[in-house]
Every structure is written in structure tokens, then in C-alpha cells.
PDB file of N, CA and C in Angstrom:
ATOM      1  N   UNK A   1     -13.459  32.890  -0.756  1.00  0.00           N
ATOM      2  CA  UNK A   1     -14.294  31.512  -0.593  1.00  0.00           C
ATOM      3  C   UNK A   1     -13.017  30.444  -0.827  1.00  0.00           C
ATOM      4  N   UNK A   2     -12.698  30.608  -1.923  1.00  0.00           N
ATOM      5  CA  UNK A   2     -11.542  29.351  -2.464  1.00  0.00           C
ATOM      6  C   UNK A   2     -10.341  29.448  -1.713  1.00  0.00           C
ATOM      7  N   UNK A   3      -9.713  30.749  -1.577  1.00  0.00           N
ATOM      8  CA  UNK A   3      -8.692  30.756  -0.683  1.00  0.00           C
ATOM      9  C   UNK A   3      -8.614  30.188   0.266  1.00  0.00           C
ATOM     10  N   UNK A   4      -9.850  30.042   1.364  1.00  0.00           N
ATOM     11  CA  UNK A   4      -9.600  29.605   2.794  1.00  0.00           C
ATOM     12  C   UNK A   4      -9.744  28.049   2.344  1.00  0.00           C
ATOM     13  N   UNK A   5     -10.265  27.738   1.288  1.00  0.00           N
ATOM     14  CA  UNK A   5     -10.683  26.639   1.414  1.00  0.00           C
ATOM     15  C   UNK A   5      -9.095  25.561   0.788  1.00  0.00           C
ATOM     16  N   UNK A   6      -7.984  26.458   0.075  1.00  0.00           N
ATOM     17  CA  UNK A   6      -6.920  26.165  -0.221  1.00  0.00           C
ATOM     18  C   UNK A   6      -6.137  26.338   1.081  1.00  0.00           C
ATOM     19  N   UNK A   7      -6.059  27.281   1.952  1.00  0.00           N
ATOM     20  CA  UNK A   7      -5.228  27.096   2.904  1.00  0.00           C
ATOM     21  C   UNK A   7      -5.537  26.012   4.008  1.00  0.00           C
ATOM     22  N   UNK A   8      -6.876  25.534   4.267  1.00  0.00           N
ATOM     23  CA  UNK A   8      -7.268  24.156   5.011  1.00  0.00           C
ATOM     24  C   UNK A   8      -6.594  23.414   4.296  1.00  0.00           C
ATOM     25  N   UNK A   9      -6.442  23.306   2.923  1.00  0.00           N
ATOM     26  CA  UNK A   9      -6.263  21.826   2.268  1.00  0.00           C
ATOM     27  C   UNK A   9      -4.581  21.855   2.679  1.00  0.00           C
ATOM     28  N   UNK A  10      -4.057  22.727   2.173  1.00  0.00           N
ATOM     29  CA  UNK A  10      -2.383  22.820   2.667  1.00  0.00           C
ATOM     30  C   UNK A  10      -2.258  22.648   3.886  1.00  0.00           C
ATOM     31  N   UNK A  11      -3.181  23.142   4.772  1.00  0.00           N
ATOM     32  CA  UNK A  11      -2.598  22.843   6.299  1.00  0.00           C
ATOM     33  C   UNK A  11      -2.926  21.245   6.916  1.00  0.00           C
ATOM     34  N   UNK A  12      -3.914  21.080   6.130  1.00  0.00           N
ATOM     35  CA  UNK A  12      -4.241  19.529   6.514  1.00  0.00           C
ATOM     36  C   UNK A  12      -3.597  18.605   5.728  1.00  0.00           C
ATOM     37  N   UNK A  13      -2.728  19.313   4.597  1.00  0.00           N
ATOM     38  CA  UNK A  13      -1.795  18.322   3.770  1.00  0.00           C
ATOM     39  C   UNK A  13      -0.376  18.325   4.944  1.00  0.00           C
ATOM     40  N   UNK A  14       0.111  19.229   5.632  1.00  0.00           N
ATOM     41  CA  UNK A  14       1.008  19.442   5.889  1.00  0.00           C
ATOM     42  C   UNK A  14       1.454  18.646   7.698  1.00  0.00           C
ATOM     43  N   UNK A  15       0.200  18.706   8.250  1.00  0.00           N
ATOM     44  CA  UNK A  15      -0.383  18.097   9.317  1.00  0.00           C
ATOM     45  C   UNK A  15      -0.688  16.630   9.409  1.00  0.00           C
ATOM     46  N   UNK A  16      -0.762  16.226   8.108  1.00  0.00           N
ATOM     47  CA  UNK A  16      -1.448  14.653   7.958  1.00  0.00           C
ATOM     48  C   UNK A  16      -0.339  13.933   8.984  1.00  0.00           C
ATOM     49  N   UNK A  17       1.253  14.009   8.764  1.00  0.00           N
ATOM     50  CA  UNK A  17       1.686  12.860   9.492  1.00  0.00           C
ATOM     51  C   UNK A  17       1.543  12.966  10.614  1.00  0.00           C
ATOM     52  N   UNK A  18       1.095  14.062  11.638  1.00  0.00           N
ATOM     53  CA  UNK A  18       0.889  14.056  12.976  1.00  0.00           C
ATOM     54  C   UNK A  18      -0.030  13.650  13.247  1.00  0.00           C
ATOM     55  N   UNK A  19      -1.211  13.482  12.435  1.00  0.00           N
ATOM     56  CA  UNK A  19      -2.800  12.605  12.499  1.00  0.00           C
ATOM     57  C   UNK A  19      -2.318  10.990  12.255  1.00  0.00           C
ATOM     58  N   UNK A  20      -1.528  10.710  11.624  1.00  0.00           N
ATOM     59  CA  UNK A  20      -1.446   9.389  11.402  1.00  0.00           C
ATOM     60  C   UNK A  20       0.039   8.707  11.986  1.00  0.00           C
ATOM     61  N   UNK A  21       0.582   9.310  12.755  1.00  0.00           N
ATOM     62  CA  UNK A  21       1.739   8.904  13.326  1.00  0.00           C
ATOM     63  C   UNK A  21       2.788   8.355  12.339  1.00  0.00           C
ATOM     64  N   UNK A  22       2.842   9.265  10.905  1.00  0.00           N
ATOM     65  CA  UNK A  22       3.946   8.829   9.845  1.00  0.00           C
ATOM     66  C   UNK A  22       5.234   9.313  10.091  1.00  0.00           C
ATOM     67  N   UNK A  23       6.176   8.885   9.654  1.00  0.00           N
ATOM     68  CA  UNK A  23       7.437   9.395   9.781  1.00  0.00           C
ATOM     69  C   UNK A  23       8.370   8.697   8.800  1.00  0.00           C
ATOM     70  N   UNK A  24       9.441   9.270   8.411  1.00  0.00           N
ATOM     71  CA  UNK A  24      10.375   8.837   7.514  1.00  0.00           C
ATOM     72  C   UNK A  24      11.921   8.769   7.823  1.00  0.00           C
ATOM     73  N   UNK A  25      12.455   7.548   8.153  1.00  0.00           N
ATOM     74  CA  UNK A  25      13.341   7.191   8.871  1.00  0.00           C
ATOM     75  C   UNK A  25      14.404   7.259   7.483  1.00  0.00           C
ATOM     76  N   UNK A  26      15.354   8.416   7.243  1.00  0.00           N
ATOM     77  CA  UNK A  26      16.692   8.639   6.568  1.00  0.00           C
ATOM     78  C   UNK A  26      17.691   8.444   7.061  1.00  0.00           C
ATOM     79  N   UNK A  27      18.092   8.332   8.215  1.00  0.00           N
ATOM     80  CA  UNK A  27      19.319   7.526   8.783  1.00  0.00           C
ATOM     81  C   UNK A  27      19.270   6.582   9.490  1.00  0.00           C
ATOM     82  N   UNK A  28      20.038   5.646   9.138  1.00  0.00           N
ATOM     83  CA  UNK A  28      19.799   3.991   9.927  1.00  0.00           C
ATOM     84  C   UNK A  28      20.950   3.601  10.293  1.00  0.00           C
ATOM     85  N   UNK A  29      21.485   2.809  11.082  1.00  0.00           N
ATOM     86  CA  UNK A  29      22.331   2.167  11.518  1.00  0.00           C
ATOM     87  C   UNK A  29      22.782   0.702  10.621  1.00  0.00           C
ATOM     88  N   UNK A  30      21.617   0.337  10.401  1.00  0.00           N
ATOM     89  CA  UNK A  30      21.766  -0.880   9.768  1.00  0.00           C
ATOM     90  C   UNK A  30      22.191  -1.091   8.594  1.00  0.00           C
ATOM     91  N   UNK A  31      22.958  -2.022   8.183  1.00  0.00           N
ATOM     92  CA  UNK A  31      23.231  -2.506   6.562  1.00  0.00           C
ATOM     93  C   UNK A  31      22.375  -2.761   5.740  1.00  0.00           C
ATOM     94  N   UNK A  32      22.645  -2.501   4.392  1.00  0.00           N
ATOM     95  CA  UNK A  32      21.546  -2.966   3.762  1.00  0.00           C
ATOM     96  C   UNK A  32      21.928  -4.359   2.731  1.00  0.00           C
ATOM     97  N   UNK A  33      20.490  -4.817   3.175  1.00  0.00           N
ATOM     98  CA  UNK A  33      20.785  -6.178   2.975  1.00  0.00           C
ATOM     99  C   UNK A  33      20.590  -6.370   1.396  1.00  0.00           C
ATOM    100  N   UNK A  34      21.176  -7.390   0.728  1.00  0.00           N
ATOM    101  CA  UNK A  34      21.353  -7.556  -0.815  1.00  0.00           C
ATOM    102  C   UNK A  34      20.133  -8.710  -0.960  1.00  0.00           C
ATOM    103  N   UNK A  35      19.370  -8.620  -2.017  1.00  0.00           N
ATOM    104  CA  UNK A  35      18.667  -9.472  -2.026  1.00  0.00           C
ATOM    105  C   UNK A  35      18.707 -10.121  -3.554  1.00  0.00           C
ATOM    106  N   UNK A  36      18.706 -11.453  -3.793  1.00  0.00           N
ATOM    107  CA  UNK A  36      18.631 -12.104  -5.047  1.00  0.00           C
ATOM    108  C   UNK A  36      17.694 -11.630  -6.228  1.00  0.00           C
ATOM    109  N   UNK A  37      17.914 -11.388  -7.624  1.00  0.00           N
ATOM    110  CA  UNK A  37      16.950 -11.239  -8.371  1.00  0.00           C
ATOM    111  C   UNK A  37      15.902 -11.956  -8.364  1.00  0.00           C
ATOM    112  N   UNK A  38      16.025 -13.361  -8.142  1.00  0.00           N
ATOM    113  CA  UNK A  38      15.296 -14.329  -8.330  1.00  0.00           C
ATOM    114  C   UNK A  38      14.105 -14.340  -7.142  1.00  0.00           C
ATOM    115  N   UNK A  39      14.406 -13.738  -6.180  1.00  0.00           N
ATOM    116  CA  UNK A  39      13.304 -13.352  -4.906  1.00  0.00           C
ATOM    117  C   UNK A  39      12.485 -12.223  -5.129  1.00  0.00           C
ATOM    118  N   UNK A  40      13.053 -11.148  -6.185  1.00  0.00           N
ATOM    119  CA  UNK A  40      12.384 -10.000  -6.261  1.00  0.00           C
ATOM    120  C   UNK A  40      11.476 -10.214  -7.632  1.00  0.00           C
ATOM    121  N   UNK A  41      11.904 -10.911  -8.403  1.00  0.00           N
ATOM    122  CA  UNK A  41      11.131 -11.505  -9.496  1.00  0.00           C
ATOM    123  C   UNK A  41      10.634 -12.707  -9.564  1.00  0.00           C
ATOM    124  N   UNK A  42       9.327 -13.082  -8.657  1.00  0.00           N
ATOM    125  CA  UNK A  42       9.013 -14.365  -8.266  1.00  0.00           C
ATOM    126  C   UNK A  42       7.766 -14.432  -9.545  1.00  0.00           C
ATOM    127  N   UNK A  43       7.029 -15.186  -9.437  1.00  0.00           N
ATOM    128  CA  UNK A  43       6.374 -16.340  -9.670  1.00  0.00           C
ATOM    129  C   UNK A  43       5.047 -14.474  -9.817  1.00  0.00           C
ATOM    130  N   UNK A  44       4.671 -14.785  -8.709  1.00  0.00           N
ATOM    131  CA  UNK A  44       3.265 -13.549  -8.443  1.00  0.00           C
ATOM    132  C   UNK A  44       3.691 -12.251  -8.551  1.00  0.00           C
ATOM    133  N   UNK A  45       4.958 -11.855  -8.802  1.00  0.00           N
ATOM    134  CA  UNK A  45       5.020 -10.207  -9.321  1.00  0.00           C
ATOM    135  C   UNK A  45       4.880 -10.301 -10.932  1.00  0.00           C
ATOM    136  N   UNK A  46       5.393 -11.591 -11.354  1.00  0.00           N
ATOM    137  CA  UNK A  46       5.428 -11.378 -12.599  1.00  0.00           C
ATOM    138  C   UNK A  46       4.163 -11.494 -13.316  1.00  0.00           C
ATOM    139  N   UNK A  47       3.017 -12.676 -12.808  1.00  0.00           N
ATOM    140  CA  UNK A  47       1.685 -12.667 -12.797  1.00  0.00           C
ATOM    141  C   UNK A  47       1.001 -11.252 -12.822  1.00  0.00           C
ATOM    142  N   UNK A  48       1.287 -10.805 -11.547  1.00  0.00           N
ATOM    143  CA  UNK A  48       0.538  -9.468 -11.187  1.00  0.00           C
ATOM    144  C   UNK A  48       0.938  -8.377 -12.331  1.00  0.00           C
ATOM    145  N   UNK A  49       2.328  -8.437 -12.950  1.00  0.00           N
ATOM    146  CA  UNK A  49       2.781  -7.508 -13.833  1.00  0.00           C
ATOM    147  C   UNK A  49       2.063  -7.356 -15.196  1.00  0.00           C
ATOM    148  N   UNK A  50       1.979  -8.825 -15.461  1.00  0.00           N
ATOM    149  CA  UNK A  50       1.348  -9.034 -16.637  1.00  0.00           C
ATOM    150  C   UNK A  50      -0.114  -8.971 -16.776  1.00  0.00           C
ATOM    151  N   UNK A  51      -0.924  -9.087 -15.730  1.00  0.00           N
ATOM    152  CA  UNK A  51      -2.093  -9.232 -15.801  1.00  0.00           C
ATOM    153  C   UNK A  51      -2.585  -7.267 -15.560  1.00  0.00           C
ATOM    154  N   UNK A  52      -1.587  -6.757 -14.850  1.00  0.00           N
ATOM    155  CA  UNK A  52      -1.811  -5.231 -15.231  1.00  0.00           C
ATOM    156  C   UNK A  52      -1.310  -4.747 -16.266  1.00  0.00           C
ATOM    157  N   UNK A  53      -0.574  -5.140 -17.301  1.00  0.00           N
ATOM    158  CA  UNK A  53      -0.372  -4.440 -18.550  1.00  0.00           C
ATOM    159  C   UNK A  53      -1.791  -5.284 -19.511  1.00  0.00           C
ATOM    160  N   UNK A  54      -2.120  -6.320 -19.117  1.00  0.00           N
ATOM    161  CA  UNK A  54      -3.241  -6.911 -20.204  1.00  0.00           C
ATOM    162  C   UNK A  54      -4.523  -5.695 -20.116  1.00  0.00           C
ATOM    163  N   UNK A  55      -4.540  -5.480 -18.636  1.00  0.00           N
ATOM    164  CA  UNK A  55      -5.738  -4.425 -18.309  1.00  0.00           C
ATOM    165  C   UNK A  55      -5.648  -3.072 -18.665  1.00  0.00           C
ATOM    166  N   UNK A  56      -4.441  -2.704 -18.860  1.00  0.00           N
ATOM    167  CA  UNK A  56      -4.019  -1.262 -19.107  1.00  0.00           C
ATOM    168  C   UNK A  56      -4.376  -1.413 -20.578  1.00  0.00           C
ATOM    169  N   UNK A  57      -4.064  -2.448 -21.264  1.00  0.00           N
ATOM    170  CA  UNK A  57      -4.318  -2.444 -22.627  1.00  0.00           C
ATOM    171  C   UNK A  57      -5.664  -2.637 -23.494  1.00  0.00           C
ATOM    172  N   UNK A  58      -6.340  -3.501 -22.308  1.00  0.00           N
ATOM    173  CA  UNK A  58      -7.644  -3.376 -22.776  1.00  0.00           C
ATOM    174  C   UNK A  58      -8.534  -2.125 -22.498  1.00  0.00           C
ATOM    175  N   UNK A  59      -8.124  -1.511 -21.221  1.00  0.00           N
ATOM    176  CA  UNK A  59      -8.737  -0.282 -21.136  1.00  0.00           C
ATOM    177  C   UNK A  59      -8.763   0.853 -22.108  1.00  0.00           C
ATOM    178  N   UNK A  60      -7.198   0.390 -22.627  1.00  0.00           N
ATOM    179  CA  UNK A  60      -7.259   1.912 -23.928  1.00  0.00           C
ATOM    180  C   UNK A  60      -8.638   1.291 -25.021  1.00  0.00           C
ATOM    181  N   UNK A  61      -8.615   0.534 -25.149  1.00  0.00           N
ATOM    182  CA  UNK A  61      -9.754  -0.066 -26.415  1.00  0.00           C
ATOM    183  C   UNK A  61     -10.860   0.405 -25.553  1.00  0.00           C
ATOM    184  N   UNK A  62     -11.236   0.230 -24.581  1.00  0.00           N
ATOM    185  CA  UNK A  62     -12.327   0.868 -23.929  1.00  0.00           C
ATOM    186  C   UNK A  62     -12.620   2.204 -24.043  1.00  0.00           C
ATOM    187  N   UNK A  63     -12.135   3.122 -23.735  1.00  0.00           N
ATOM    188  CA  UNK A  63     -11.993   4.308 -23.409  1.00  0.00           C
ATOM    189  C   UNK A  63     -13.149   5.216 -24.546  1.00  0.00           C
ATOM    190  N   UNK A  64     -12.823   4.899 -25.854  1.00  0.00           N
ATOM    191  CA  UNK A  64     -13.969   5.350 -26.965  1.00  0.00           C
ATOM    192  C   UNK A  64     -15.453   5.010 -26.361  1.00  0.00           C
ATOM    193  N   UNK A  65     -15.584   3.697 -25.990  1.00  0.00           N
ATOM    194  CA  UNK A  65     -17.196   3.390 -25.372  1.00  0.00           C
ATOM    195  C   UNK A  65     -17.362   4.103 -24.253  1.00  0.00           C
ATOM    196  N   UNK A  66     -16.381   4.239 -23.027  1.00  0.00           N
ATOM    197  CA  UNK A  66     -16.806   4.807 -22.130  1.00  0.00           C
ATOM    198  C   UNK A  66     -16.988   6.344 -22.264  1.00  0.00           C
ATOM    199  N   UNK A  67     -16.593   7.019 -23.103  1.00  0.00           N
ATOM    200  CA  UNK A  67     -16.886   8.513 -23.305  1.00  0.00           C
ATOM    201  C   UNK A  67     -18.339   8.640 -23.702  1.00  0.00           C
ATOM    202  N   UNK A  68     -19.058   7.397 -24.311  1.00  0.00           N
ATOM    203  CA  UNK A  68     -20.422   7.511 -24.432  1.00  0.00           C
ATOM    204  C   UNK A  68     -21.200   7.840 -23.644  1.00  0.00           C
ATOM    205  N   UNK A  69     -20.672   7.629 -22.337  1.00  0.00           N
ATOM    206  CA  UNK A  69     -21.324   7.994 -21.050  1.00  0.00           C
ATOM    207  C   UNK A  69     -21.490   9.232 -20.649  1.00  0.00           C
ATOM    208  N   UNK A  70     -22.771   9.833 -20.404  1.00  0.00           N
ATOM    209  CA  UNK A  70     -22.971  11.326 -20.361  1.00  0.00           C
ATOM    210  C   UNK A  70     -22.296  11.954 -18.967  1.00  0.00           C
ATOM    211  N   UNK A  71     -21.822  11.410 -18.017  1.00  0.00           N
ATOM    212  CA  UNK A  71     -21.004  11.646 -16.904  1.00  0.00           C
ATOM    213  C   UNK A  71     -19.607  11.776 -17.283  1.00  0.00           C
ATOM    214  N   UNK A  72     -19.381  10.662 -17.940  1.00  0.00           N
ATOM    215  CA  UNK A  72     -17.924  10.417 -17.821  1.00  0.00           C
ATOM    216  C   UNK A  72     -17.639  11.442 -18.872  1.00  0.00           C
ATOM    217  N   UNK A  73     -18.085  11.870 -20.131  1.00  0.00           N
ATOM    218  CA  UNK A  73     -18.104  13.019 -21.093  1.00  0.00           C
ATOM    219  C   UNK A  73     -17.664  14.013 -20.117  1.00  0.00           C
ATOM    220  N   UNK A  74     -18.614  14.441 -19.314  1.00  0.00           N
ATOM    221  CA  UNK A  74     -18.446  15.764 -18.446  1.00  0.00           C
ATOM    222  C   UNK A  74     -17.068  15.917 -17.673  1.00  0.00           C
ATOM    223  N   UNK A  75     -17.139  14.957 -17.077  1.00  0.00           N
ATOM    224  CA  UNK A  75     -15.674  14.909 -16.097  1.00  0.00           C
ATOM    225  C   UNK A  75     -14.633  15.058 -17.149  1.00  0.00           C
ATOM    226  N   UNK A  76     -14.350  14.592 -18.170  1.00  0.00           N
ATOM    227  CA  UNK A  76     -13.588  14.611 -19.320  1.00  0.00           C
ATOM    228  C   UNK A  76     -12.878  15.479 -19.604  1.00  0.00           C
ATOM    229  N   UNK A  77     -14.099  16.356 -19.645  1.00  0.00           N
ATOM    230  CA  UNK A  77     -13.929  18.015 -20.309  1.00  0.00           C
ATOM    231  C   UNK A  77     -13.372  18.748 -19.419  1.00  0.00           C
ATOM    232  N   UNK A  78     -13.999  18.444 -18.249  1.00  0.00           N
ATOM    233  CA  UNK A  78     -13.626  19.782 -16.501  1.00  0.00           C
ATOM    234  C   UNK A  78     -12.160  19.199 -16.563  1.00  0.00           C
ATOM    235  N   UNK A  79     -11.747  17.868 -16.645  1.00  0.00           N
ATOM    236  CA  UNK A  79     -10.489  17.278 -16.650  1.00  0.00           C
ATOM    237  C   UNK A  79      -9.394  17.994 -17.476  1.00  0.00           C
ATOM    238  N   UNK A  80      -9.781  17.799 -18.825  1.00  0.00           N
ATOM    239  CA  UNK A  80      -8.676  18.628 -19.842  1.00  0.00           C
ATOM    240  C   UNK A  80      -8.800  19.995 -19.557  1.00  0.00           C
ATOM    241  N   UNK A  81      -9.715  20.582 -19.093  1.00  0.00           N
ATOM    242  CA  UNK A  81      -9.719  22.534 -18.840  1.00  0.00           C
ATOM    243  C   UNK A  81      -8.949  22.494 -17.570  1.00  0.00           C
ATOM    244  N   UNK A  82      -8.965  21.958 -16.557  1.00  0.00           N
ATOM    245  CA  UNK A  82      -7.993  22.274 -15.497  1.00  0.00           C
ATOM    246  C   UNK A  82      -6.492  21.723 -15.823  1.00  0.00           C
ATOM    247  N   UNK A  83      -6.271  20.476 -16.417  1.00  0.00           N
ATOM    248  CA  UNK A  83      -5.288  20.209 -16.715  1.00  0.00           C
ATOM    249  C   UNK A  83      -4.394  20.738 -17.647  1.00  0.00           C
ATOM    250  N   UNK A  84      -5.273  21.768 -18.448  1.00  0.00           N
ATOM    251  CA  UNK A  84      -4.331  22.739 -19.242  1.00  0.00           C
ATOM    252  C   UNK A  84      -3.890  23.956 -18.440  1.00  0.00           C
ATOM    253  N   UNK A  85      -4.038  24.222 -17.800  1.00  0.00           N
ATOM    254  CA  UNK A  85      -3.586  25.690 -16.815  1.00  0.00           C
ATOM    255  C   UNK A  85      -2.620  24.957 -16.426  1.00  0.00           C
ATOM    256  N   UNK A  86      -1.624  26.017 -16.358  1.00  0.00           N
ATOM    257  CA  UNK A  86       0.175  25.775 -15.752  1.00  0.00           C
ATOM    258  C   UNK A  86       0.168  26.681 -14.650  1.00  0.00           C
ATOM    259  N   UNK A  87       0.793  26.182 -13.710  1.00  0.00           N
ATOM    260  CA  UNK A  87       1.153  27.127 -12.527  1.00  0.00           C
ATOM    261  C   UNK A  87       2.772  27.477 -12.890  1.00  0.00           C
ATOM    262  N   UNK A  88       2.854  28.634 -12.554  1.00  0.00           N
ATOM    263  CA  UNK A  88       3.953  29.804 -13.067  1.00  0.00           C
ATOM    264  C   UNK A  88       4.852  30.047 -11.576  1.00  0.00           C
TER     265      UNK A  88
END
């Protein structure tokens, strides 16, 4: 039964670009456009980066408190077991 689910999952993954009409254009005739670093490192980009960094720092402090929730602990144990197996 698991084999059929795995084959179905792989099939859906392979056919997903057809369903969403997605493609990647690897080769193009357009010349690359140089963008100044000031345009890339804008104020919203820096603010968002700092907010994400602060969120990750705070999240690492709350992980011990989150592990006290019964459902979270069981999910963490299941992820540890499946994450430790290696595909050869």
C-alpha cells in the first residue's frame, strides 16, 4: 500500500509543472541587467532581514517551552525517528 502512495506522489510531483503551466527558461536572448547594490539593499529589505533574525533568535528561546505541549513533543519524536534514517 505504501508503495502505491509513493508512486502516486512521485507521479504527481513529475506532472505538477503541466498542471500549473510552469516552466523555466534557461536560455534567453536578453542581456543581463546590472542593478546597483543600493537598489537591492533597500530599507525594506534590511528591516525584513532584521525582523526575521530577531524572530529566529526569539524562537530558539521558546523551543523548550513549546516542547512541553503534548502534541508538539510527539511530532518532534516522530520527526527525529524519520530524520535519522538515511537513503542509500
